[in-house]
Amino acid sequence: MGTYKIILAVIAAAIVTIGVVVGLSLSKGTFASQQYEISVDPFKDPQSLFTMARVTIQNVGSEPLTNVRANFGGGQIQELGTLKPGQKIIVSPPSDNPLEFVIVTADEGIYVNKVYRMPTKMPGMMGS
């Protein structure tokens, strides 16, 4: 009878460990490490006839960010307002923008300057 209790305890510990590991991996990005923090991902995909571009902005901090602005360069600024913790938005730069960089700022001392990233082109894929 004592052997079964040990086996059950080991199985229960393994289940709890697996649950914690899976829970932490699924919650990636939802646990705020700082009070005010933002994630900015500018992306552009040049095709043969046009260029698709977008900027993903997410508040990854634990507090709201106020007066969030996206500066696309050339005097083109988009006011985004307030972002709640965990809130993600996707914005499109103006169509006549050179798509070189994006600066995202907020009243809480946030200043992020990023260049656009582009996907790796592979032979046979659309746009390559």
Protein backbone atom coordinates (compact mmCIF):
# COMPACT_ATOMS: atom_id res chain seq x y z
CA MET A 1 0.00 0.00 0.00
CA GLY A 2 2.90 2.39 0.72
CA THR A 3 4.32 1.89 -2.78
CA TYR A 4 1.05 3.03 -4.37
CA LYS A 5 1.04 6.22 -2.29
CA ILE A 6 4.56 7.03 -3.46
CA ILE A 7 3.64 6.36 -7.10
CA LEU A 8 0.51 8.53 -6.77
CA ALA A 9 2.55 11.32 -5.15
CA VAL A 10 5.12 11.20 -7.99
CA ILE A 11 2.36 11.25 -10.64
CA ALA A 12 0.61 14.18 -8.90
CA ALA A 13 3.90 16.10 -8.69
CA ALA A 14 4.54 15.45 -12.39
CA ILE A 15 1.05 16.66 -13.34
CA VAL A 16 1.46 19.83 -11.27
CA THR A 17 4.89 20.50 -12.79
CA ILE A 18 3.58 20.01 -16.33
CA GLY A 19 0.62 22.29 -15.55
CA VAL A 20 2.89 25.05 -14.27
CA VAL A 21 5.22 24.82 -17.27
CA VAL A 22 2.35 24.84 -19.79
CA GLY A 23 0.59 27.66 -17.92
CA LEU A 24 3.69 29.84 -17.92
CA SER A 25 4.41 29.22 -21.59
CA LEU A 26 0.81 30.01 -22.61
CA SER A 27 0.76 33.20 -20.55
CA LYS A 28 3.88 34.56 -22.24
CA GLY A 29 3.54 38.31 -22.52
CA THR A 30 0.62 38.62 -20.12
CA PHE A 31 2.68 38.93 -16.96
CA ALA A 32 3.93 42.49 -16.84
CA SER A 33 7.55 42.85 -15.84
CA GLN A 34 7.41 46.65 -15.52
CA GLN A 35 4.80 49.24 -14.68
CA TYR A 36 5.10 51.09 -18.03
CA GLU A 37 6.32 49.08 -21.00
CA ILE A 38 5.33 48.83 -24.66
CA SER A 39 6.03 46.41 -27.50
CA VAL A 40 6.36 47.85 -31.02
CA ASP A 41 6.64 45.69 -34.16
CA PRO A 42 6.78 47.59 -37.48
CA PHE A 43 6.48 45.24 -40.45
CA LYS A 44 6.63 45.84 -44.21
CA ASP A 45 6.31 43.34 -47.02
CA PRO A 46 7.24 44.75 -50.45
CA GLN A 47 5.39 43.01 -53.28
CA SER A 48 5.90 43.57 -57.00
CA LEU A 49 2.98 46.03 -57.29
CA PHE A 50 2.57 47.40 -53.76
CA THR A 51 4.01 47.31 -50.25
CA MET A 52 1.96 46.02 -47.34
CA ALA A 53 2.87 47.65 -44.01
CA ARG A 54 1.55 47.57 -40.47
CA VAL A 55 2.70 48.46 -36.97
CA THR A 56 1.62 46.32 -34.02
CA ILE A 57 1.67 48.15 -30.69
CA GLN A 58 0.94 46.44 -27.37
CA ASN A 59 0.96 47.70 -23.79
CA VAL A 60 2.91 44.95 -21.99
CA GLY A 61 3.15 46.90 -18.73
CA SER A 62 0.90 46.66 -15.70
CA GLU A 63 -0.52 50.22 -15.94
CA PRO A 64 -2.39 52.12 -18.70
CA LEU A 65 -0.37 54.25 -21.12
CA THR A 66 -1.83 57.66 -21.94
CA ASN A 67 -1.45 59.92 -24.95
CA VAL A 68 0.19 57.18 -27.07
CA ARG A 69 1.42 58.46 -30.45
CA ALA A 70 2.95 56.78 -33.49
CA ASN A 71 5.34 58.98 -35.48
CA PHE A 72 5.91 57.50 -38.96
CA GLY A 73 8.39 60.21 -40.01
CA GLY A 74 7.93 63.09 -42.40
CA GLY A 75 5.62 64.84 -39.96
CA GLN A 76 3.07 62.01 -40.10
CA ILE A 77 1.84 61.36 -36.55
CA GLN A 78 -1.12 59.25 -35.51
CA GLU A 79 -2.68 59.84 -32.07
CA LEU A 80 -3.65 56.50 -30.49
CA GLY A 81 -5.00 57.68 -27.12
CA THR A 82 -4.86 55.39 -24.08
CA LEU A 83 -3.76 51.74 -24.13
CA LYS A 84 -4.93 49.52 -21.28
CA PRO A 85 -2.57 46.82 -19.92
CA GLY A 86 -2.45 43.95 -22.42
CA GLN A 87 -4.23 45.93 -25.14
CA LYS A 88 -2.85 45.42 -28.65
CA ILE A 89 -3.61 47.56 -31.68
CA ILE A 90 -2.51 47.34 -35.30
CA VAL A 91 -2.16 50.58 -37.27
CA SER A 92 -1.32 51.22 -40.89
CA PRO A 93 1.15 53.94 -41.81
CA PRO A 94 -0.01 56.59 -44.31
CA SER A 95 0.14 55.40 -47.91
CA ASP A 96 2.73 58.00 -48.96
CA ASN A 97 5.11 57.19 -46.08
CA PRO A 98 8.69 56.08 -46.92
CA LEU A 99 8.41 53.24 -44.31
CA GLU A 100 11.83 53.74 -42.77
CA PHE A 101 11.10 53.86 -39.04
CA VAL A 102 8.40 54.33 -36.39
CA ILE A 103 8.69 56.20 -33.10
CA VAL A 104 6.07 55.38 -30.46
CA THR A 105 5.82 57.65 -27.41
CA ALA A 106 3.55 57.99 -24.37
CA ASP A 107 3.24 60.39 -21.45
CA GLU A 108 4.72 57.88 -19.00
CA GLY A 109 8.23 58.29 -20.43
CA ILE A 110 7.83 55.73 -23.21
CA TYR A 111 10.01 56.31 -26.28
CA VAL A 112 10.55 53.42 -28.72
CA ASN A 113 12.27 53.91 -32.10
CA LYS A 114 12.17 50.91 -34.45
CA VAL A 115 12.96 50.29 -38.11
CA TYR A 116 10.60 48.19 -40.20
CA ARG A 117 11.40 44.50 -40.39
CA MET A 118 10.86 42.58 -43.61
CA PRO A 119 10.09 38.88 -44.14
CA THR A 120 12.68 36.58 -45.63
CA LYS A 121 11.87 35.99 -49.30
CA MET A 122 12.04 32.45 -50.59
CA PRO A 123 12.05 31.37 -54.25
CA GLY A 124 8.55 30.55 -55.44
CA MET A 125 6.81 32.52 -52.71
CA MET A 126 4.52 35.44 -53.53
CA GLY A 127 6.44 38.73 -53.73
CA SER A 128 9.88 37.15 -54.12
